N, C-alpha and C. Protein backbone atom coordinates (compact mmCIF):
# COMPACT_ATOMS: atom_id res chain seq x y z
N MET A 1 0.84 -1.24 -0.08
CA MET A 1 0.06 0.15 -0.02
C MET A 1 0.96 1.17 0.00
N ASN A 2 0.77 2.07 -0.80
CA ASN A 2 1.54 3.44 -0.91
C ASN A 2 1.34 4.24 0.46
N LYS A 3 2.06 5.04 0.39
CA LYS A 3 2.09 5.89 1.70
C LYS A 3 0.88 6.90 1.86
N LYS A 4 0.68 7.42 0.54
CA LYS A 4 -0.25 8.46 0.43
C LYS A 4 -1.74 7.76 0.83
N LEU A 5 -2.09 6.64 0.21
CA LEU A 5 -3.30 5.86 0.66
C LEU A 5 -3.30 5.43 2.00
N PHE A 6 -2.26 4.99 2.52
CA PHE A 6 -2.30 4.59 3.94
C PHE A 6 -2.60 5.80 4.88
N GLY A 7 -1.93 6.88 4.62
CA GLY A 7 -2.32 8.11 5.32
C GLY A 7 -3.80 8.66 5.41
N ILE A 8 -4.46 8.44 4.12
CA ILE A 8 -5.83 8.73 3.94
C ILE A 8 -6.76 7.94 4.62
N VAL A 9 -6.36 6.57 4.63
CA VAL A 9 -7.10 5.80 5.58
C VAL A 9 -6.89 5.87 7.17
N VAL A 10 -5.81 6.15 7.37
CA VAL A 10 -5.53 6.36 8.84
C VAL A 10 -6.47 7.78 9.35
N MET A 11 -6.35 8.77 8.74
CA MET A 11 -7.00 9.95 8.77
C MET A 11 -8.22 9.73 8.84
N GLY A 12 -9.06 8.80 7.91
CA GLY A 12 -10.33 8.46 8.10
C GLY A 12 -10.66 7.95 9.15
N LEU A 13 -9.99 6.74 9.56
CA LEU A 13 -10.28 6.13 10.76
C LEU A 13 -10.32 7.01 12.09
N LEU A 14 -9.46 7.91 12.13
CA LEU A 14 -9.47 8.77 13.35
C LEU A 14 -10.32 10.00 13.36
N LEU A 15 -10.80 10.12 12.11
CA LEU A 15 -12.01 11.21 11.97
C LEU A 15 -13.40 10.44 12.59
N VAL A 16 -13.51 9.02 11.94
CA VAL A 16 -14.66 8.37 12.42
C VAL A 16 -14.57 8.11 13.95
N ALA A 17 -13.35 7.78 14.52
CA ALA A 17 -13.31 7.59 16.13
C ALA A 17 -13.50 8.77 16.77
N GLY A 18 -13.00 9.80 16.45
CA GLY A 18 -13.17 10.95 17.13
C GLY A 18 -14.55 11.55 16.97
N VAL A 19 -15.49 11.22 16.20
CA VAL A 19 -16.76 11.64 16.34
C VAL A 19 -17.57 10.67 16.92
N SER A 20 -17.50 9.41 16.87
CA SER A 20 -18.35 8.51 17.44
C SER A 20 -17.96 8.16 18.95
N ILE A 21 -16.82 8.01 19.37
CA ILE A 21 -16.49 7.66 20.84
C ILE A 21 -16.97 8.47 21.65
N PRO A 22 -16.87 9.84 21.62
CA PRO A 22 -17.66 10.79 22.70
C PRO A 22 -18.88 10.58 22.92
N LEU A 23 -19.65 10.06 22.03
CA LEU A 23 -21.25 9.54 22.16
C LEU A 23 -21.28 8.33 23.00
N TYR A 24 -20.47 7.32 22.89
CA TYR A 24 -20.72 6.23 23.56
C TYR A 24 -19.73 5.99 24.94
N ALA A 25 -19.01 7.34 25.01
CA ALA A 25 -18.07 7.14 26.16
C ALA A 25 -18.79 8.05 27.29
N GLN A 26 -19.77 8.57 27.05
CA GLN A 26 -20.64 9.26 28.09
C GLN A 26 -20.86 8.55 29.29
N GLU A 27 -20.77 9.40 30.29
CA GLU A 27 -21.34 8.53 31.71
C GLU A 27 -22.63 9.17 31.98
N PRO A 28 -23.44 8.05 32.54
CA PRO A 28 -24.75 8.24 32.84
C PRO A 28 -24.96 9.67 33.74
N VAL A 29 -26.05 10.21 33.62
CA VAL A 29 -26.43 11.38 34.61
C VAL A 29 -27.65 10.97 35.54
N GLY A 30 -28.16 9.95 35.17
CA GLY A 30 -29.40 9.45 35.94
C GLY A 30 -29.86 8.19 35.55
N LYS A 31 -30.83 7.73 36.30
CA LYS A 31 -31.58 6.24 35.93
C LYS A 31 -32.90 6.56 36.21
N VAL A 32 -33.71 5.86 35.16
CA VAL A 32 -35.14 5.73 35.31
C VAL A 32 -35.58 4.99 36.61
N ILE A 33 -36.48 5.85 37.38
CA ILE A 33 -36.71 5.21 38.91
C ILE A 33 -38.27 4.68 38.81
N SER A 34 -39.22 5.33 37.81
CA SER A 34 -40.59 5.26 37.77
C SER A 34 -41.11 5.74 36.31
N LEU A 35 -41.77 4.75 35.95
CA LEU A 35 -42.54 4.93 34.49
C LEU A 35 -44.02 4.70 34.54
N LYS A 36 -44.77 5.79 33.92
CA LYS A 36 -46.19 5.47 33.59
C LYS A 36 -46.32 5.55 32.18
N GLY A 37 -46.73 4.48 31.70
CA GLY A 37 -46.87 4.33 30.18
C GLY A 37 -45.51 3.95 29.66
N SER A 38 -45.13 4.54 28.41
CA SER A 38 -43.77 4.12 27.87
C SER A 38 -43.05 5.30 27.64
N ALA A 39 -41.68 5.21 27.52
CA ALA A 39 -40.82 6.24 27.34
C ALA A 39 -39.84 5.72 26.54
N GLU A 40 -39.14 6.65 25.45
CA GLU A 40 -37.83 6.34 24.86
C GLU A 40 -36.88 7.64 24.77
N ALA A 41 -35.98 7.22 24.59
CA ALA A 41 -34.82 8.36 24.59
C ALA A 41 -33.80 8.00 23.31
N GLN A 42 -33.35 9.21 22.93
CA GLN A 42 -32.39 9.41 21.59
C GLN A 42 -31.29 9.99 22.22
N LEU A 43 -30.04 9.62 21.90
CA LEU A 43 -28.81 10.17 22.37
C LEU A 43 -28.22 11.04 21.30
N GLY A 44 -28.49 12.38 21.67
CA GLY A 44 -27.69 13.46 20.84
C GLY A 44 -28.30 13.54 19.58
N GLU A 45 -27.47 13.25 18.47
CA GLU A 45 -28.17 13.28 17.02
C GLU A 45 -28.40 12.03 16.28
N GLU A 46 -28.37 11.01 17.14
CA GLU A 46 -28.52 9.57 16.78
C GLU A 46 -29.90 9.38 16.36
N SER A 47 -30.18 8.62 15.26
CA SER A 47 -31.48 8.51 14.74
C SER A 47 -32.38 7.43 15.35
N GLN A 48 -31.59 6.41 16.06
CA GLN A 48 -32.40 5.44 16.68
C GLN A 48 -32.65 5.76 18.23
N TRP A 49 -34.07 5.50 18.53
CA TRP A 49 -34.59 5.57 19.84
C TRP A 49 -34.48 4.51 20.61
N ARG A 50 -34.05 4.41 21.81
CA ARG A 50 -34.11 3.48 22.61
C ARG A 50 -35.19 3.27 23.63
N THR A 51 -35.83 2.09 23.84
CA THR A 51 -36.85 2.08 24.88
C THR A 51 -36.44 2.06 26.47
N LEU A 52 -37.08 2.94 27.22
CA LEU A 52 -36.57 3.01 28.48
C LEU A 52 -37.40 2.23 29.41
N ARG A 53 -36.66 1.51 30.48
CA ARG A 53 -37.22 0.86 31.39
C ARG A 53 -36.84 1.26 32.75
N ILE A 54 -37.32 0.64 33.68
CA ILE A 54 -36.84 1.02 35.21
C ILE A 54 -35.41 0.64 35.14
N LYS A 55 -34.50 1.41 35.73
CA LYS A 55 -33.21 1.37 36.05
C LYS A 55 -32.30 1.60 34.42
N SER A 56 -33.00 2.06 33.47
CA SER A 56 -32.24 2.47 32.33
C SER A 56 -31.53 3.62 32.69
N ASP A 57 -30.24 3.78 31.89
CA ASP A 57 -29.50 4.96 32.25
C ASP A 57 -30.00 6.11 31.22
N ILE A 58 -29.74 7.39 31.89
CA ILE A 58 -30.04 8.71 31.17
C ILE A 58 -28.65 9.33 30.85
N TYR A 59 -28.54 9.95 29.73
CA TYR A 59 -27.21 10.57 29.50
C TYR A 59 -27.56 12.04 29.36
N GLU A 60 -26.68 12.92 29.26
CA GLU A 60 -26.87 14.33 29.14
C GLU A 60 -27.61 14.80 28.16
N LYS A 61 -27.12 14.16 27.12
CA LYS A 61 -27.32 14.58 25.53
C LYS A 61 -28.95 13.92 25.20
N ASP A 62 -29.34 13.17 26.04
CA ASP A 62 -30.68 12.47 25.65
C ASP A 62 -31.92 13.44 25.22
N THR A 63 -32.63 12.89 24.52
CA THR A 63 -34.01 13.53 24.13
C THR A 63 -34.82 12.52 24.86
N ILE A 64 -35.99 12.86 25.57
CA ILE A 64 -36.82 11.88 25.80
C ILE A 64 -38.39 12.16 25.50
N LYS A 65 -38.87 11.11 25.06
CA LYS A 65 -40.33 11.23 24.74
C LYS A 65 -41.29 10.07 25.28
C-alpha cells in the first residue's frame, strides 16, 4: 500500500473514531426510577430511539419522549 493511501485511510479512521467515541463514552447522569406508560430516549443526534425501562441509564444529551 503506498504511503499516500495509507495516510488517507488512517486519517479517515481517526476522524470516524473522534466523532463516534464521545457519544458512547458518556457517563450516565441519571436512571429511570419510575414509568407511567412508555418512554423512549434518543442520544444526541442519533436517529435510533431506545425504549426506557426501570433502571435504564439517562445521558446528558438524551432527548426523552
